[in-house]
Amino acid sequence: MGNFFISAFEKLVGLVVVLLLLAVAVGAVFALLEPMGGGLLPALLVLVGGSLYVILIGGSLYLALGIYNNTKRTAEAVERLAAK
């Protein structure tokens, strides 16, 4: 049962990262086409800031999954050593 939730969370993290990237791209297009105050510089700022945000959020979520996987592998290795 626990494996189901972890694998579902991994898929959800991937989906969230893709949706965030799409949101950043759409936001940059809207910033580029905005008639009042839009232009190339605001669009680039949205792209840079949004990309940093996606990297921060996605990296944090994947870090949590990595910690879980490493803890699981360590526990299995300790159990193998204790069985000897």
C-alpha atoms as a PDB file:
ATOM      1  CA  MET A   1       0.000   0.000   0.000  1.00  0.00           C
ATOM      2  CA  GLY A   2       2.840   2.372   0.824  1.00  0.00           C
ATOM      3  CA  ASN A   3       4.471   1.758  -2.549  1.00  0.00           C
ATOM      4  CA  PHE A   4       1.263   2.864  -4.265  1.00  0.00           C
ATOM      5  CA  PHE A   5       1.331   6.224  -2.511  1.00  0.00           C
ATOM      6  CA  ILE A   6       5.021   6.795  -3.196  1.00  0.00           C
ATOM      7  CA  SER A   7       4.680   5.943  -6.898  1.00  0.00           C
ATOM      8  CA  ALA A   8       1.552   8.118  -7.132  1.00  0.00           C
ATOM      9  CA  PHE A   9       3.455  10.972  -5.481  1.00  0.00           C
ATOM     10  CA  GLU A  10       6.315  10.560  -7.975  1.00  0.00           C
ATOM     11  CA  LYS A  11       3.849  10.845 -10.861  1.00  0.00           C
ATOM     12  CA  LEU A  12       2.166  13.812  -9.214  1.00  0.00           C
ATOM     13  CA  VAL A  13       5.510  15.598  -8.788  1.00  0.00           C
ATOM     14  CA  GLY A  14       6.273  15.102 -12.476  1.00  0.00           C
ATOM     15  CA  LEU A  15       2.842  16.445 -13.420  1.00  0.00           C
ATOM     16  CA  VAL A  16       3.211  19.469 -11.136  1.00  0.00           C
ATOM     17  CA  VAL A  17       6.610  20.335 -12.620  1.00  0.00           C
ATOM     18  CA  VAL A  18       5.254  20.122 -16.172  1.00  0.00           C
ATOM     19  CA  LEU A  19       2.214  22.238 -15.275  1.00  0.00           C
ATOM     20  CA  LEU A  20       4.425  24.834 -13.598  1.00  0.00           C
ATOM     21  CA  LEU A  21       6.622  25.031 -16.684  1.00  0.00           C
ATOM     22  CA  LEU A  22       3.558  25.510 -18.883  1.00  0.00           C
ATOM     23  CA  ALA A  23       2.277  28.230 -16.554  1.00  0.00           C
ATOM     24  CA  VAL A  24       5.605  30.053 -16.750  1.00  0.00           C
ATOM     25  CA  ALA A  25       5.593  29.867 -20.560  1.00  0.00           C
ATOM     26  CA  VAL A  26       1.997  31.138 -20.773  1.00  0.00           C
ATOM     27  CA  GLY A  27       2.774  33.906 -18.294  1.00  0.00           C
ATOM     28  CA  ALA A  28       5.761  34.988 -20.367  1.00  0.00           C
ATOM     29  CA  VAL A  29       3.620  35.108 -23.513  1.00  0.00           C
ATOM     30  CA  PHE A  30       0.998  37.199 -21.721  1.00  0.00           C
ATOM     31  CA  ALA A  31       3.712  39.510 -20.392  1.00  0.00           C
ATOM     32  CA  LEU A  32       5.085  39.894 -23.910  1.00  0.00           C
ATOM     33  CA  LEU A  33       1.705  40.689 -25.455  1.00  0.00           C
ATOM     34  CA  GLU A  34       0.343  42.927 -22.683  1.00  0.00           C
ATOM     35  CA  PRO A  35      -0.578  46.276 -24.254  1.00  0.00           C
ATOM     36  CA  MET A  36       0.045  48.325 -21.093  1.00  0.00           C
ATOM     37  CA  GLY A  37       3.537  47.792 -19.748  1.00  0.00           C
ATOM     38  CA  GLY A  38       4.352  44.556 -21.514  1.00  0.00           C
ATOM     39  CA  GLY A  39       7.285  43.857 -23.717  1.00  0.00           C
ATOM     40  CA  LEU A  40      10.408  41.816 -24.024  1.00  0.00           C
ATOM     41  CA  LEU A  41      11.989  42.723 -20.676  1.00  0.00           C
ATOM     42  CA  PRO A  42       8.966  41.777 -18.526  1.00  0.00           C
ATOM     43  CA  ALA A  43       8.572  38.547 -20.504  1.00  0.00           C
ATOM     44  CA  LEU A  44      12.228  37.664 -19.905  1.00  0.00           C
ATOM     45  CA  LEU A  45      11.856  38.457 -16.215  1.00  0.00           C
ATOM     46  CA  VAL A  46       8.828  36.173 -16.015  1.00  0.00           C
ATOM     47  CA  LEU A  47      10.790  33.409 -17.764  1.00  0.00           C
ATOM     48  CA  VAL A  48      13.838  33.761 -15.514  1.00  0.00           C
ATOM     49  CA  GLY A  49      11.897  34.161 -12.278  1.00  0.00           C
ATOM     50  CA  GLY A  50       9.430  31.417 -13.138  1.00  0.00           C
ATOM     51  CA  SER A  51      12.194  29.039 -14.165  1.00  0.00           C
ATOM     52  CA  LEU A  52      14.006  29.610 -10.874  1.00  0.00           C
ATOM     53  CA  TYR A  53      10.749  28.975  -9.021  1.00  0.00           C
ATOM     54  CA  VAL A  54      10.103  25.730 -10.900  1.00  0.00           C
ATOM     55  CA  ILE A  55      13.675  24.575 -10.256  1.00  0.00           C
ATOM     56  CA  LEU A  56      13.314  25.357  -6.542  1.00  0.00           C
ATOM     57  CA  ILE A  57       9.944  23.655  -6.110  1.00  0.00           C
ATOM     58  CA  GLY A  58      10.695  20.677  -8.371  1.00  0.00           C
ATOM     59  CA  GLY A  59      14.118  20.177  -6.831  1.00  0.00           C
ATOM     60  CA  SER A  60      12.672  20.218  -3.325  1.00  0.00           C
ATOM     61  CA  LEU A  61      10.032  17.647  -4.213  1.00  0.00           C
ATOM     62  CA  TYR A  62      12.513  15.374  -5.963  1.00  0.00           C
ATOM     63  CA  LEU A  63      14.908  15.793  -3.027  1.00  0.00           C
ATOM     64  CA  ALA A  64      12.208  14.516  -0.674  1.00  0.00           C
ATOM     65  CA  LEU A  65      11.664  11.499  -2.923  1.00  0.00           C
ATOM     66  CA  GLY A  66      15.405  10.880  -3.064  1.00  0.00           C
ATOM     67  CA  ILE A  67      15.672  10.977   0.718  1.00  0.00           C
ATOM     68  CA  TYR A  68      12.848   8.448   0.964  1.00  0.00           C
ATOM     69  CA  ASN A  69      14.504   6.104  -1.554  1.00  0.00           C
ATOM     70  CA  ASN A  70      17.919   6.369   0.133  1.00  0.00           C
ATOM     71  CA  THR A  71      16.408   5.730   3.567  1.00  0.00           C
ATOM     72  CA  LYS A  72      14.592   2.687   2.225  1.00  0.00           C
ATOM     73  CA  ARG A  73      17.775   1.290   0.636  1.00  0.00           C
ATOM     74  CA  THR A  74      19.746   1.918   3.838  1.00  0.00           C
ATOM     75  CA  ALA A  75      17.128   0.129   5.942  1.00  0.00           C
ATOM     76  CA  GLU A  76      17.197  -2.859   3.576  1.00  0.00           C
ATOM     77  CA  ALA A  77      21.016  -2.984   3.707  1.00  0.00           C
ATOM     78  CA  VAL A  78      21.001  -2.849   7.512  1.00  0.00           C
ATOM     79  CA  GLU A  79      18.449  -5.657   7.631  1.00  0.00           C
ATOM     80  CA  ARG A  80      20.645  -7.782   5.342  1.00  0.00           C
ATOM     81  CA  LEU A  81      23.665  -7.151   7.578  1.00  0.00           C
ATOM     82  CA  ALA A  82      21.681  -7.981  10.727  1.00  0.00           C
ATOM     83  CA  ALA A  83      20.494 -11.285   9.213  1.00  0.00           C
ATOM     84  CA  LYS A  84      24.061 -12.554   8.767  1.00  0.00           C
END
